[in-house]
PDB file of all heavy atoms in Angstrom:
ATOM      1  N   CYS A   1       0.836  -1.204  -0.005  1.00  0.00           N
ATOM      2  CA  CYS A   1       0.001   0.007   0.004  1.00  0.00           C
ATOM      3  C   CYS A   1       0.885   1.253  -0.003  1.00  0.00           C
ATOM      4  O   CYS A   1       0.620   2.218  -0.743  1.00  0.00           O
ATOM      5  CB  CYS A   1      -0.911   0.016   1.216  1.00  0.00           C
ATOM      6  SG  CYS A   1      -2.277  -1.169   1.171  1.00  0.00           S
ATOM      7  N   ILE A   2       1.893   1.248   0.826  1.00  0.00           N
ATOM      8  CA  ILE A   2       2.798   2.420   0.901  1.00  0.00           C
ATOM      9  C   ILE A   2       3.483   2.641  -0.441  1.00  0.00           C
ATOM     10  O   ILE A   2       3.705   3.784  -0.843  1.00  0.00           O
ATOM     11  CB  ILE A   2       3.791   2.230   2.051  1.00  0.00           C
ATOM     12  CG1 ILE A   2       3.086   2.270   3.394  1.00  0.00           C
ATOM     13  CG2 ILE A   2       4.864   3.325   1.988  1.00  0.00           C
ATOM     14  CD1 ILE A   2       3.967   1.918   4.574  1.00  0.00           C
ATOM     15  N   ALA A   3       3.796   1.541  -1.132  1.00  0.00           N
ATOM     16  CA  ALA A   3       4.439   1.649  -2.437  1.00  0.00           C
ATOM     17  C   ALA A   3       3.466   1.900  -3.570  1.00  0.00           C
ATOM     18  O   ALA A   3       3.862   1.989  -4.734  1.00  0.00           O
ATOM     19  CB  ALA A   3       5.216   0.358  -2.742  1.00  0.00           C
ATOM     20  N   GLU A   4       2.178   2.044  -3.229  1.00  0.00           N
ATOM     21  CA  GLU A   4       1.127   2.232  -4.234  1.00  0.00           C
ATOM     22  C   GLU A   4       1.049   1.056  -5.205  1.00  0.00           C
ATOM     23  O   GLU A   4       0.846   1.231  -6.396  1.00  0.00           O
ATOM     24  CB  GLU A   4       1.291   3.553  -4.982  1.00  0.00           C
ATOM     25  CG  GLU A   4       0.970   4.788  -4.166  1.00  0.00           C
ATOM     26  CD  GLU A   4      -0.496   4.891  -3.761  1.00  0.00           C
ATOM     27  OE1 GLU A   4      -1.358   4.440  -4.539  1.00  0.00           O
ATOM     28  OE2 GLU A   4      -0.794   5.459  -2.676  1.00  0.00           O
ATOM     29  N   LEU A   5       1.172  -0.143  -4.652  1.00  0.00           N
ATOM     30  CA  LEU A   5       1.041  -1.364  -5.418  1.00  0.00           C
ATOM     31  C   LEU A   5      -0.270  -2.109  -5.057  1.00  0.00           C
ATOM     32  O   LEU A   5      -0.661  -3.030  -5.740  1.00  0.00           O
ATOM     33  CB  LEU A   5       2.237  -2.299  -5.187  1.00  0.00           C
ATOM     34  CG  LEU A   5       3.585  -1.775  -5.661  1.00  0.00           C
ATOM     35  CD1 LEU A   5       4.711  -2.660  -5.135  1.00  0.00           C
ATOM     36  CD2 LEU A   5       3.639  -1.699  -7.179  1.00  0.00           C
ATOM     37  N   ASN A   6      -0.889  -1.711  -3.963  1.00  0.00           N
ATOM     38  CA  ASN A   6      -2.146  -2.286  -3.508  1.00  0.00           C
ATOM     39  C   ASN A   6      -3.202  -1.194  -3.325  1.00  0.00           C
ATOM     40  O   ASN A   6      -2.875  -0.089  -2.933  1.00  0.00           O
ATOM     41  CB  ASN A   6      -1.981  -2.985  -2.146  1.00  0.00           C
ATOM     42  CG  ASN A   6      -1.806  -4.481  -2.269  1.00  0.00           C
ATOM     43  OD1 ASN A   6      -1.240  -4.948  -3.257  1.00  0.00           O
ATOM     44  ND2 ASN A   6      -2.254  -5.205  -1.267  1.00  0.00           N
ATOM     45  N   LEU A   7      -4.443  -1.516  -3.626  1.00  0.00           N
ATOM     46  CA  LEU A   7      -5.522  -0.555  -3.452  1.00  0.00           C
ATOM     47  C   LEU A   7      -5.934  -0.487  -1.982  1.00  0.00           C
ATOM     48  O   LEU A   7      -5.932  -1.484  -1.275  1.00  0.00           O
ATOM     49  CB  LEU A   7      -6.725  -0.955  -4.307  1.00  0.00           C
ATOM     50  CG  LEU A   7      -6.531  -0.942  -5.819  1.00  0.00           C
ATOM     51  CD1 LEU A   7      -7.793  -1.443  -6.510  1.00  0.00           C
ATOM     52  CD2 LEU A   7      -6.174   0.445  -6.335  1.00  0.00           C
ATOM     53  N   TYR A   8      -6.255   0.694  -1.545  1.00  0.00           N
ATOM     54  CA  TYR A   8      -6.771   0.878  -0.180  1.00  0.00           C
ATOM     55  C   TYR A   8      -7.896   1.922  -0.201  1.00  0.00           C
ATOM     56  O   TYR A   8      -7.985   2.785   0.675  1.00  0.00           O
ATOM     57  CB  TYR A   8      -5.656   1.290   0.783  1.00  0.00           C
ATOM     58  CG  TYR A   8      -4.799   2.458   0.319  1.00  0.00           C
ATOM     59  CD1 TYR A   8      -5.103   3.761   0.694  1.00  0.00           C
ATOM     60  CD2 TYR A   8      -3.705   2.253  -0.500  1.00  0.00           C
ATOM     61  CE1 TYR A   8      -4.329   4.833   0.270  1.00  0.00           C
ATOM     62  CE2 TYR A   8      -2.912   3.326  -0.937  1.00  0.00           C
ATOM     63  CZ  TYR A   8      -3.228   4.621  -0.534  1.00  0.00           C
ATOM     64  OH  TYR A   8      -2.451   5.652  -0.963  1.00  0.00           O
ATOM     65  N   GLU A   9      -8.747   1.784  -1.206  1.00  0.00           N
ATOM     66  CA  GLU A   9      -9.786   2.796  -1.414  1.00  0.00           C
ATOM     67  C   GLU A   9     -10.822   2.813  -0.302  1.00  0.00           C
ATOM     68  O   GLU A   9     -11.648   3.743  -0.229  1.00  0.00           O
ATOM     69  CB  GLU A   9     -10.477   2.581  -2.761  1.00  0.00           C
ATOM     70  CG  GLU A   9     -11.394   1.362  -2.839  1.00  0.00           C
ATOM     71  CD  GLU A   9     -10.648   0.073  -3.147  1.00  0.00           C
ATOM     72  OE1 GLU A   9      -9.429   0.096  -3.186  1.00  0.00           O
ATOM     73  OE2 GLU A   9     -11.331  -0.937  -3.355  1.00  0.00           O
ATOM     74  N   LYS A  10     -10.812   1.794   0.570  1.00  0.00           N
ATOM     75  CA  LYS A  10     -11.801   1.780   1.661  1.00  0.00           C
ATOM     76  C   LYS A  10     -11.487   2.818   2.733  1.00  0.00           C
ATOM     77  O   LYS A  10     -12.290   3.072   3.585  1.00  0.00           O
ATOM     78  CB  LYS A  10     -11.846   0.376   2.278  1.00  0.00           C
ATOM     79  CG  LYS A  10     -12.373  -0.715   1.337  1.00  0.00           C
ATOM     80  CD  LYS A  10     -13.780  -0.437   0.907  1.00  0.00           C
ATOM     81  CE  LYS A  10     -14.289  -1.527  -0.015  1.00  0.00           C
ATOM     82  NZ  LYS A  10     -15.675  -1.276  -0.495  1.00  0.00           N
ATOM     83  N   GLY A  11     -10.310   3.389   2.684  1.00  0.00           N
ATOM     84  CA  GLY A  11     -10.006   4.421   3.680  1.00  0.00           C
ATOM     85  C   GLY A  11      -8.525   4.619   3.848  1.00  0.00           C
ATOM     86  O   GLY A  11      -7.754   3.652   3.806  1.00  0.00           O
ATOM     87  N   GLY A  12      -8.129   5.868   4.033  1.00  0.00           N
ATOM     88  CA  GLY A  12      -6.739   6.172   4.343  1.00  0.00           C
ATOM     89  C   GLY A  12      -6.074   7.085   3.355  1.00  0.00           C
ATOM     90  O   GLY A  12      -6.558   7.318   2.259  1.00  0.00           O
ATOM     91  N   ASN A  13      -4.950   7.632   3.791  1.00  0.00           N
ATOM     92  CA  ASN A  13      -4.165   8.539   2.982  1.00  0.00           C
ATOM     93  C   ASN A  13      -2.693   8.318   3.298  1.00  0.00           C
ATOM     94  O   ASN A  13      -2.334   8.051   4.450  1.00  0.00           O
ATOM     95  CB  ASN A  13      -4.582   9.998   3.293  1.00  0.00           C
ATOM     96  CG  ASN A  13      -3.994  10.988   2.304  1.00  0.00           C
ATOM     97  OD1 ASN A  13      -3.701  10.638   1.165  1.00  0.00           O
ATOM     98  ND2 ASN A  13      -3.795  12.210   2.748  1.00  0.00           N
ATOM     99  N   ILE A  14      -1.858   8.421   2.297  1.00  0.00           N
ATOM    100  CA  ILE A  14      -0.412   8.250   2.466  1.00  0.00           C
ATOM    101  C   ILE A  14       0.266   9.457   1.874  1.00  0.00           C
ATOM    102  O   ILE A  14      -0.002   9.849   0.741  1.00  0.00           O
ATOM    103  CB  ILE A  14       0.086   6.957   1.807  1.00  0.00           C
ATOM    104  CG1 ILE A  14      -0.634   5.747   2.391  1.00  0.00           C
ATOM    105  CG2 ILE A  14       1.591   6.800   2.015  1.00  0.00           C
ATOM    106  CD1 ILE A  14      -0.310   4.431   1.709  1.00  0.00           C
ATOM    107  N   LYS A  15       1.176  10.065   2.647  1.00  0.00           N
ATOM    108  CA  LYS A  15       1.863  11.284   2.228  1.00  0.00           C
ATOM    109  C   LYS A  15       3.372  11.074   2.242  1.00  0.00           C
ATOM    110  O   LYS A  15       3.912  10.447   3.167  1.00  0.00           O
ATOM    111  CB  LYS A  15       1.509  12.456   3.126  1.00  0.00           C
ATOM    112  CG  LYS A  15       0.048  12.857   3.111  1.00  0.00           C
ATOM    113  CD  LYS A  15      -0.173  14.027   4.067  1.00  0.00           C
ATOM    114  CE  LYS A  15      -1.619  14.448   4.118  1.00  0.00           C
ATOM    115  NZ  LYS A  15      -1.835  15.554   5.096  1.00  0.00           N
ATOM    116  N   LEU A  16       4.028  11.630   1.254  1.00  0.00           N
ATOM    117  CA  LEU A  16       5.490  11.691   1.205  1.00  0.00           C
ATOM    118  C   LEU A  16       5.872  13.154   1.174  1.00  0.00           C
ATOM    119  O   LEU A  16       5.435  13.878   0.275  1.00  0.00           O
ATOM    120  CB  LEU A  16       6.031  10.956  -0.013  1.00  0.00           C
ATOM    121  CG  LEU A  16       7.545  10.943  -0.221  1.00  0.00           C
ATOM    122  CD1 LEU A  16       8.215  10.195   0.915  1.00  0.00           C
ATOM    123  CD2 LEU A  16       7.904  10.322  -1.586  1.00  0.00           C
ATOM    124  N   TYR A  17       6.647  13.604   2.152  1.00  0.00           N
ATOM    125  CA  TYR A  17       7.005  15.007   2.276  1.00  0.00           C
ATOM    126  C   TYR A  17       5.783  15.898   2.297  1.00  0.00           C
ATOM    127  O   TYR A  17       5.768  16.978   1.692  1.00  0.00           O
ATOM    128  CB  TYR A  17       7.972  15.416   1.164  1.00  0.00           C
ATOM    129  CG  TYR A  17       9.290  14.676   1.196  1.00  0.00           C
ATOM    130  CD1 TYR A  17       9.632  13.812   0.163  1.00  0.00           C
ATOM    131  CD2 TYR A  17      10.170  14.835   2.273  1.00  0.00           C
ATOM    132  CE1 TYR A  17      10.835  13.127   0.207  1.00  0.00           C
ATOM    133  CE2 TYR A  17      11.358  14.129   2.312  1.00  0.00           C
ATOM    134  CZ  TYR A  17      11.705  13.282   1.283  1.00  0.00           C
ATOM    135  OH  TYR A  17      12.890  12.595   1.320  1.00  0.00           O
ATOM    136  N   GLY A  18       4.723  15.446   2.973  1.00  0.00           N
ATOM    137  CA  GLY A  18       3.533  16.242   3.129  1.00  0.00           C
ATOM    138  C   GLY A  18       2.592  16.271   1.937  1.00  0.00           C
ATOM    139  O   GLY A  18       1.542  16.914   1.981  1.00  0.00           O
ATOM    140  N   LYS A  19       2.951  15.546   0.885  1.00  0.00           N
ATOM    141  CA  LYS A  19       2.154  15.556  -0.348  1.00  0.00           C
ATOM    142  C   LYS A  19       1.519  14.181  -0.566  1.00  0.00           C
ATOM    143  O   LYS A  19       2.208  13.162  -0.581  1.00  0.00           O
ATOM    144  CB  LYS A  19       3.095  15.896  -1.521  1.00  0.00           C
ATOM    145  CG  LYS A  19       2.410  16.041  -2.875  1.00  0.00           C
ATOM    146  CD  LYS A  19       3.463  16.436  -3.906  1.00  0.00           C
ATOM    147  CE  LYS A  19       2.909  16.463  -5.327  1.00  0.00           C
ATOM    148  NZ  LYS A  19       3.951  16.785  -6.319  1.00  0.00           N
ATOM    149  N   SER A  20       0.210  14.140  -0.672  1.00  0.00           N
ATOM    150  CA  SER A  20      -0.533  12.885  -0.835  1.00  0.00           C
ATOM    151  C   SER A  20      -0.071  12.144  -2.062  1.00  0.00           C
ATOM    152  O   SER A  20       0.302  12.738  -3.090  1.00  0.00           O
ATOM    153  CB  SER A  20      -2.016  13.168  -0.895  1.00  0.00           C
ATOM    154  OG  SER A  20      -2.734  12.003  -1.279  1.00  0.00           O
ATOM    155  N   SER A  21      -0.143  10.809  -1.999  1.00  0.00           N
ATOM    156  CA  SER A  21       0.222   9.983  -3.154  1.00  0.00           C
ATOM    157  C   SER A  21      -0.660  10.310  -4.356  1.00  0.00           C
ATOM    158  O   SER A  21      -0.227  10.153  -5.504  1.00  0.00           O
ATOM    159  CB  SER A  21       0.092   8.505  -2.828  1.00  0.00           C
ATOM    160  OG  SER A  21      -1.240   8.178  -2.442  1.00  0.00           O
ATOM    161  N   LYS A  22      -1.883  10.791  -4.086  1.00  0.00           N
ATOM    162  CA  LYS A  22      -2.783  11.153  -5.174  1.00  0.00           C
ATOM    163  C   LYS A  22      -2.295  12.367  -5.969  1.00  0.00           C
ATOM    164  O   LYS A  22      -2.721  12.607  -7.093  1.00  0.00           O
ATOM    165  CB  LYS A  22      -4.190  11.400  -4.634  1.00  0.00           C
ATOM    166  CG  LYS A  22      -4.806  10.188  -3.940  1.00  0.00           C
ATOM    167  CD  LYS A  22      -6.137  10.556  -3.315  1.00  0.00           C
ATOM    168  CE  LYS A  22      -6.765   9.351  -2.600  1.00  0.00           C
ATOM    169  NZ  LYS A  22      -5.955   8.869  -1.450  1.00  0.00           N
ATOM    170  N   GLU A  23      -1.404  13.142  -5.347  1.00  0.00           N
ATOM    171  CA  GLU A  23      -0.839  14.317  -5.995  1.00  0.00           C
ATOM    172  C   GLU A  23       0.476  14.021  -6.704  1.00  0.00           C
ATOM    173  O   GLU A  23       1.013  14.884  -7.408  1.00  0.00           O
ATOM    174  CB  GLU A  23      -0.609  15.417  -4.964  1.00  0.00           C
ATOM    175  CG  GLU A  23      -1.852  15.841  -4.196  1.00  0.00           C
ATOM    176  CD  GLU A  23      -1.524  16.820  -3.093  1.00  0.00           C
ATOM    177  OE1 GLU A  23      -1.207  17.976  -3.409  1.00  0.00           O
ATOM    178  OE2 GLU A  23      -1.569  16.409  -1.907  1.00  0.00           O
ATOM    179  N   TRP A  24       1.004  12.836  -6.529  1.00  0.00           N
ATOM    180  CA  TRP A  24       2.272  12.465  -7.147  1.00  0.00           C
ATOM    181  C   TRP A  24       2.046  11.762  -8.464  1.00  0.00           C
ATOM    182  O   TRP A  24       0.998  11.127  -8.689  1.00  0.00           O
ATOM    183  CB  TRP A  24       3.035  11.502  -6.227  1.00  0.00           C
ATOM    184  CG  TRP A  24       3.785  12.139  -5.090  1.00  0.00           C
ATOM    185  CD1 TRP A  24       3.232  12.634  -3.922  1.00  0.00           C
ATOM    186  CD2 TRP A  24       5.187  12.346  -4.994  1.00  0.00           C
ATOM    187  NE1 TRP A  24       4.210  13.110  -3.121  1.00  0.00           N
ATOM    188  CE2 TRP A  24       5.417  12.951  -3.727  1.00  0.00           C
ATOM    189  CE3 TRP A  24       6.254  12.059  -5.809  1.00  0.00           C
ATOM    190  CZ2 TRP A  24       6.702  13.308  -3.296  1.00  0.00           C
ATOM    191  CZ3 TRP A  24       7.533  12.395  -5.394  1.00  0.00           C
ATOM    192  CH2 TRP A  24       7.746  13.018  -4.162  1.00  0.00           C
ATOM    193  N   ASP A  25       3.037  11.846  -9.326  1.00  0.00           N
ATOM    194  CA  ASP A  25       3.133  10.962 -10.486  1.00  0.00           C
ATOM    195  C   ASP A  25       3.575   9.600  -9.939  1.00  0.00           C
ATOM    196  O   ASP A  25       4.649   9.491  -9.337  1.00  0.00           O
ATOM    197  CB  ASP A  25       4.129  11.507 -11.493  1.00  0.00           C
ATOM    198  CG  ASP A  25       4.220  10.653 -12.726  1.00  0.00           C
ATOM    199  OD1 ASP A  25       3.238  10.479 -13.421  1.00  0.00           O
ATOM    200  OD2 ASP A  25       5.317  10.083 -12.945  1.00  0.00           O
ATOM    201  N   ILE A  26       2.765   8.564 -10.144  1.00  0.00           N
ATOM    202  CA  ILE A  26       3.021   7.288  -9.459  1.00  0.00           C
ATOM    203  C   ILE A  26       4.383   6.675  -9.818  1.00  0.00           C
ATOM    204  O   ILE A  26       5.049   6.120  -8.937  1.00  0.00           O
ATOM    205  CB  ILE A  26       1.875   6.297  -9.741  1.00  0.00           C
ATOM    206  CG1 ILE A  26       0.586   6.789  -9.041  1.00  0.00           C
ATOM    207  CG2 ILE A  26       2.218   4.905  -9.247  1.00  0.00           C
ATOM    208  CD1 ILE A  26       0.724   6.962  -7.539  1.00  0.00           C
ATOM    209  N   PRO A  27       4.863   6.706 -11.073  1.00  0.00           N
ATOM    210  CA  PRO A  27       6.227   6.203 -11.323  1.00  0.00           C
ATOM    211  C   PRO A  27       7.269   6.896 -10.463  1.00  0.00           C
ATOM    212  O   PRO A  27       8.215   6.240  -9.972  1.00  0.00           O
ATOM    213  CB  PRO A  27       6.433   6.491 -12.813  1.00  0.00           C
ATOM    214  CG  PRO A  27       5.052   6.433 -13.392  1.00  0.00           C
ATOM    215  CD  PRO A  27       4.181   7.053 -12.357  1.00  0.00           C
ATOM    216  N   ASN A  28       7.134   8.211 -10.252  1.00  0.00           N
ATOM    217  CA  ASN A  28       8.077   8.908  -9.386  1.00  0.00           C
ATOM    218  C   ASN A  28       7.935   8.488  -7.933  1.00  0.00           C
ATOM    219  O   ASN A  28       8.937   8.343  -7.209  1.00  0.00           O
ATOM    220  CB  ASN A  28       7.859  10.430  -9.498  1.00  0.00           C
ATOM    221  CG  ASN A  28       8.289  10.988 -10.830  1.00  0.00           C
ATOM    222  OD1 ASN A  28       8.985  10.312 -11.591  1.00  0.00           O
ATOM    223  ND2 ASN A  28       7.874  12.206 -11.124  1.00  0.00           N
ATOM    224  N   TRP A  29       6.695   8.276  -7.499  1.00  0.00           N
ATOM    225  CA  TRP A  29       6.431   7.803  -6.129  1.00  0.00           C
ATOM    226  C   TRP A  29       7.121   6.460  -5.912  1.00  0.00           C
ATOM    227  O   TRP A  29       7.762   6.247  -4.871  1.00  0.00           O
ATOM    228  CB  TRP A  29       4.928   7.639  -5.940  1.00  0.00           C
ATOM    229  CG  TRP A  29       4.506   7.115  -4.583  1.00  0.00           C
ATOM    230  CD1 TRP A  29       4.443   5.797  -4.202  1.00  0.00           C
ATOM    231  CD2 TRP A  29       4.069   7.878  -3.454  1.00  0.00           C
ATOM    232  NE1 TRP A  29       3.997   5.698  -2.910  1.00  0.00           N
ATOM    233  CE2 TRP A  29       3.771   6.951  -2.430  1.00  0.00           C
ATOM    234  CE3 TRP A  29       3.885   9.244  -3.226  1.00  0.00           C
ATOM    235  CZ2 TRP A  29       3.287   7.365  -1.182  1.00  0.00           C
ATOM    236  CZ3 TRP A  29       3.425   9.652  -1.986  1.00  0.00           C
ATOM    237  CH2 TRP A  29       3.140   8.721  -0.976  1.00  0.00           C
ATOM    238  N   ARG A  30       7.039   5.564  -6.895  1.00  0.00           N
ATOM    239  CA  ARG A  30       7.611   4.216  -6.714  1.00  0.00           C
ATOM    240  C   ARG A  30       9.132   4.215  -6.813  1.00  0.00           C
ATOM    241  O   ARG A  30       9.768   3.232  -6.431  1.00  0.00           O
ATOM    242  CB  ARG A  30       7.009   3.264  -7.759  1.00  0.00           C
ATOM    243  CG  ARG A  30       5.538   2.979  -7.473  1.00  0.00           C
ATOM    244  CD  ARG A  30       4.914   2.139  -8.541  1.00  0.00           C
ATOM    245  NE  ARG A  30       3.493   1.884  -8.258  1.00  0.00           N
ATOM    246  CZ  ARG A  30       2.607   1.537  -9.164  1.00  0.00           C
ATOM    247  NH1 ARG A  30       2.975   1.412 -10.438  1.00  0.00           N
ATOM    248  NH2 ARG A  30       1.347   1.347  -8.833  1.00  0.00           N
ATOM    249  N   ILE A  31       9.710   5.291  -7.323  1.00  0.00           N
ATOM    250  CA  ILE A  31      11.159   5.431  -7.277  1.00  0.00           C
ATOM    251  C   ILE A  31      11.561   5.959  -5.903  1.00  0.00           C
ATOM    252  O   ILE A  31      12.537   5.472  -5.285  1.00  0.00           O
ATOM    253  CB  ILE A  31      11.659   6.378  -8.395  1.00  0.00           C
ATOM    254  CG1 ILE A  31      11.549   5.645  -9.743  1.00  0.00           C
ATOM    255  CG2 ILE A  31      13.101   6.809  -8.134  1.00  0.00           C
ATOM    256  CD1 ILE A  31      11.830   6.531 -10.929  1.00  0.00           C
ATOM    257  N   LYS A  32      10.824   6.939  -5.401  1.00  0.00           N
ATOM    258  CA  LYS A  32      11.113   7.516  -4.091  1.00  0.00           C
ATOM    259  C   LYS A  32      10.906   6.529  -2.953  1.00  0.00           C
ATOM    260  O   LYS A  32      11.574   6.543  -1.951  1.00  0.00           O
ATOM    261  CB  LYS A  32      10.239   8.772  -3.858  1.00  0.00           C
ATOM    262  CG  LYS A  32      10.642   9.963  -4.696  1.00  0.00           C
ATOM    263  CD  LYS A  32      11.986  10.522  -4.239  1.00  0.00           C
ATOM    264  CE  LYS A  32      12.324  11.822  -4.953  1.00  0.00           C
ATOM    265  NZ  LYS A  32      13.650  12.320  -4.526  1.00  0.00           N
ATOM    266  N   ILE A  33       9.865   5.672  -3.124  1.00  0.00           N
ATOM    267  CA  ILE A  33       9.545   4.656  -2.118  1.00  0.00           C
ATOM    268  C   ILE A  33       9.657   3.309  -2.803  1.00  0.00           C
ATOM    269  O   ILE A  33       8.754   2.880  -3.529  1.00  0.00           O
ATOM    270  CB  ILE A  33       8.142   4.855  -1.545  1.00  0.00           C
ATOM    271  CG1 ILE A  33       7.992   6.253  -0.936  1.00  0.00           C
ATOM    272  CG2 ILE A  33       7.843   3.814  -0.491  1.00  0.00           C
ATOM    273  CD1 ILE A  33       6.621   6.552  -0.375  1.00  0.00           C
ATOM    274  N   ALA A  34      10.749   2.616  -2.597  1.00  0.00           N
ATOM    275  CA  ALA A  34      11.054   1.372  -3.347  1.00  0.00           C
ATOM    276  C   ALA A  34      10.710   0.141  -2.492  1.00  0.00           C
ATOM    277  O   ALA A  34      11.231  -0.012  -1.378  1.00  0.00           O
ATOM    278  CB  ALA A  34      12.521   1.349  -3.742  1.00  0.00           C
ATOM    279  N   TYR A  35       9.877  -0.695  -3.041  1.00  0.00           N
ATOM    280  CA  TYR A  35       9.473  -1.945  -2.398  1.00  0.00           C
ATOM    281  C   TYR A  35      10.391  -3.066  -2.845  1.00  0.00           C
ATOM    282  O   TYR A  35      10.553  -3.303  -4.060  1.00  0.00           O
ATOM    283  CB  TYR A  35       8.007  -2.269  -2.731  1.00  0.00           C
ATOM    284  CG  TYR A  35       7.556  -3.633  -2.266  1.00  0.00           C
ATOM    285  CD1 TYR A  35       7.511  -3.935  -0.919  1.00  0.00           C
ATOM    286  CD2 TYR A  35       7.132  -4.591  -3.174  1.00  0.00           C
ATOM    287  CE1 TYR A  35       7.074  -5.205  -0.485  1.00  0.00           C
ATOM    288  CE2 TYR A  35       6.708  -5.856  -2.767  1.00  0.00           C
ATOM    289  CZ  TYR A  35       6.667  -6.145  -1.426  1.00  0.00           C
ATOM    290  OH  TYR A  35       6.256  -7.384  -1.001  1.00  0.00           O
ATOM    291  N   VAL A  36      10.955  -3.797  -1.879  1.00  0.00           N
ATOM    292  CA  VAL A  36      11.836  -4.936  -2.192  1.00  0.00           C
ATOM    293  C   VAL A  36      11.166  -6.190  -1.656  1.00  0.00           C
ATOM    294  O   VAL A  36      11.126  -6.392  -0.441  1.00  0.00           O
ATOM    295  CB  VAL A  36      13.227  -4.755  -1.568  1.00  0.00           C
ATOM    296  CG1 VAL A  36      14.149  -5.906  -1.992  1.00  0.00           C
ATOM    297  CG2 VAL A  36      13.833  -3.417  -1.948  1.00  0.00           C
ATOM    298  N   PRO A  37      10.608  -7.046  -2.525  1.00  0.00           N
ATOM    299  CA  PRO A  37       9.888  -8.227  -2.047  1.00  0.00           C
ATOM    300  C   PRO A  37      10.835  -9.264  -1.447  1.00  0.00           C
ATOM    301  O   PRO A  37      12.040  -9.251  -1.681  1.00  0.00           O
ATOM    302  CB  PRO A  37       9.221  -8.765  -3.335  1.00  0.00           C
ATOM    303  CG  PRO A  37      10.100  -8.282  -4.434  1.00  0.00           C
ATOM    304  CD  PRO A  37      10.620  -6.953  -3.988  1.00  0.00           C
ATOM    305  N   GLN A  38      10.253 -10.169  -0.668  1.00  0.00           N
ATOM    306  CA  GLN A  38      11.040 -11.206  -0.039  1.00  0.00           C
ATOM    307  C   GLN A  38      11.703 -12.094  -1.093  1.00  0.00           C
ATOM    308  O   GLN A  38      12.879 -12.452  -0.974  1.00  0.00           O
ATOM    309  CB  GLN A  38      10.155 -12.054   0.876  1.00  0.00           C
ATOM    310  CG  GLN A  38      10.898 -13.199   1.573  1.00  0.00           C
ATOM    311  CD  GLN A  38       9.968 -14.012   2.455  1.00  0.00           C
ATOM    312  OE1 GLN A  38       8.783 -13.744   2.563  1.00  0.00           O
ATOM    313  NE2 GLN A  38      10.516 -15.019   3.109  1.00  0.00           N
ATOM    314  N   ARG A  39      10.960 -12.438  -2.126  1.00  0.00           N
ATOM    315  CA  ARG A  39      11.482 -13.246  -3.210  1.00  0.00           C
ATOM    316  C   ARG A  39      11.256 -12.512  -4.516  1.00  0.00           C
ATOM    317  O   ARG A  39      10.087 -12.345  -4.919  1.00  0.00           O
ATOM    318  CB  ARG A  39      10.820 -14.626  -3.239  1.00  0.00           C
ATOM    319  CG  ARG A  39      11.131 -15.486  -2.059  1.00  0.00           C
ATOM    320  CD  ARG A  39      10.445 -16.840  -2.150  1.00  0.00           C
ATOM    321  NE  ARG A  39      10.759 -17.700  -1.008  1.00  0.00           N
ATOM    322  CZ  ARG A  39      10.124 -17.653   0.145  1.00  0.00           C
ATOM    323  NH1 ARG A  39       9.144 -16.808   0.328  1.00  0.00           N
ATOM    324  NH2 ARG A  39      10.469 -18.460   1.133  1.00  0.00           N
TER     325      ARG A  39
END
């Protein structure tokens, strides 16, 4: 969810540097917040 890879439309907001993920260009968001899976 934090990496914007899962939907959480039922509620909530995530901000990076005070700016909501909805205001970001998602490819840039996923560069700034990088998810590294277990496998």
